[in-house]
Amino acid sequence: MTASVTAVGGTCGSAVIAGIAAFLMLQAVRMPRRWVSHWGVLLIVALRMGRIYGRWHLPALQLPG
C-alpha cells in the first residue's frame, strides 16, 4: 500500500509542477493574471483526472536524498 500512495503523491506533485510552470510561462507573456490562474488550475485538474480516469502515467519527481 505504501508504494501506491507514494506513486500517486509523486504524480500529484508532477501535475502541480506542470501547473506552476504553465502559470509562470503565461504570466511571462503578459496574459491577465485572472486567466493565468484559471489555466494553471485547469491544467492541474486535467492532469489529475487523466491520471485517475485515463490511467495516464506521469513521471514522479524524485528528489536526491
Protein backbone atom coordinates (compact mmCIF):
# COMPACT_ATOMS: atom_id res chain seq x y z
CA MET A 1 0.00 0.00 0.00
CA THR A 2 2.84 2.41 0.71
CA ALA A 3 4.22 2.14 -2.83
CA SER A 4 0.92 3.10 -4.45
CA VAL A 5 0.47 6.08 -2.10
CA THR A 6 3.99 7.27 -2.93
CA ALA A 7 3.39 6.90 -6.67
CA VAL A 8 0.12 8.84 -6.52
CA GLY A 9 1.74 11.56 -4.42
CA GLY A 10 4.58 11.81 -6.90
CA THR A 11 2.14 12.08 -9.79
CA CYS A 12 0.19 14.78 -7.98
CA GLY A 13 3.45 16.65 -7.43
CA SER A 14 4.27 16.37 -11.13
CA ALA A 15 0.85 17.78 -12.04
CA VAL A 16 1.34 20.71 -9.68
CA ILE A 17 4.80 21.43 -11.09
CA ALA A 18 3.34 21.43 -14.62
CA GLY A 19 0.58 23.82 -13.49
CA ILE A 20 3.09 26.17 -11.88
CA ALA A 21 5.29 26.09 -14.99
CA ALA A 22 2.27 26.93 -17.18
CA PHE A 23 1.33 29.75 -14.77
CA LEU A 24 4.80 31.27 -14.97
CA MET A 25 5.05 30.93 -18.76
CA LEU A 26 1.64 32.53 -19.34
CA GLN A 27 2.46 35.30 -16.89
CA ALA A 28 5.73 35.92 -18.76
CA VAL A 29 3.79 36.60 -21.99
CA ARG A 30 1.68 39.16 -20.08
CA MET A 31 -1.63 37.31 -20.08
CA PRO A 32 -4.02 38.81 -17.48
CA ARG A 33 -3.41 37.28 -14.06
CA ARG A 34 -7.02 36.12 -13.74
CA TRP A 35 -6.71 33.96 -16.86
CA VAL A 36 -3.24 32.76 -15.93
CA SER A 37 -4.61 31.41 -12.63
CA HIS A 38 -7.51 29.68 -14.36
CA TRP A 39 -5.27 28.00 -16.94
CA GLY A 40 -2.81 26.82 -14.29
CA VAL A 41 -5.54 25.25 -12.16
CA LEU A 42 -7.26 23.78 -15.22
CA LEU A 43 -4.02 22.06 -16.26
CA ILE A 44 -3.52 20.59 -12.80
CA VAL A 45 -7.10 19.29 -12.68
CA ALA A 46 -6.86 17.86 -16.21
CA LEU A 47 -3.64 16.01 -15.41
CA ARG A 48 -5.07 14.63 -12.16
CA MET A 49 -8.31 13.50 -13.85
CA GLY A 50 -6.28 11.92 -16.66
CA ARG A 51 -4.26 10.04 -14.05
CA ILE A 52 -7.37 8.81 -12.25
CA TYR A 53 -9.74 8.07 -15.14
CA GLY A 54 -7.44 7.75 -18.15
CA ARG A 55 -4.73 5.79 -16.36
CA TRP A 56 -2.05 8.22 -17.50
CA HIS A 57 1.38 7.78 -16.01
CA LEU A 58 3.27 10.98 -15.29
CA PRO A 59 6.89 10.87 -14.22
CA ALA A 60 7.19 11.20 -10.45
CA LEU A 61 9.58 13.82 -9.14
CA GLN A 62 12.49 12.16 -7.38
CA LEU A 63 14.49 14.35 -5.05
CA PRO A 64 18.05 13.38 -4.21
CA GLY A 65 18.24 12.16 -0.69
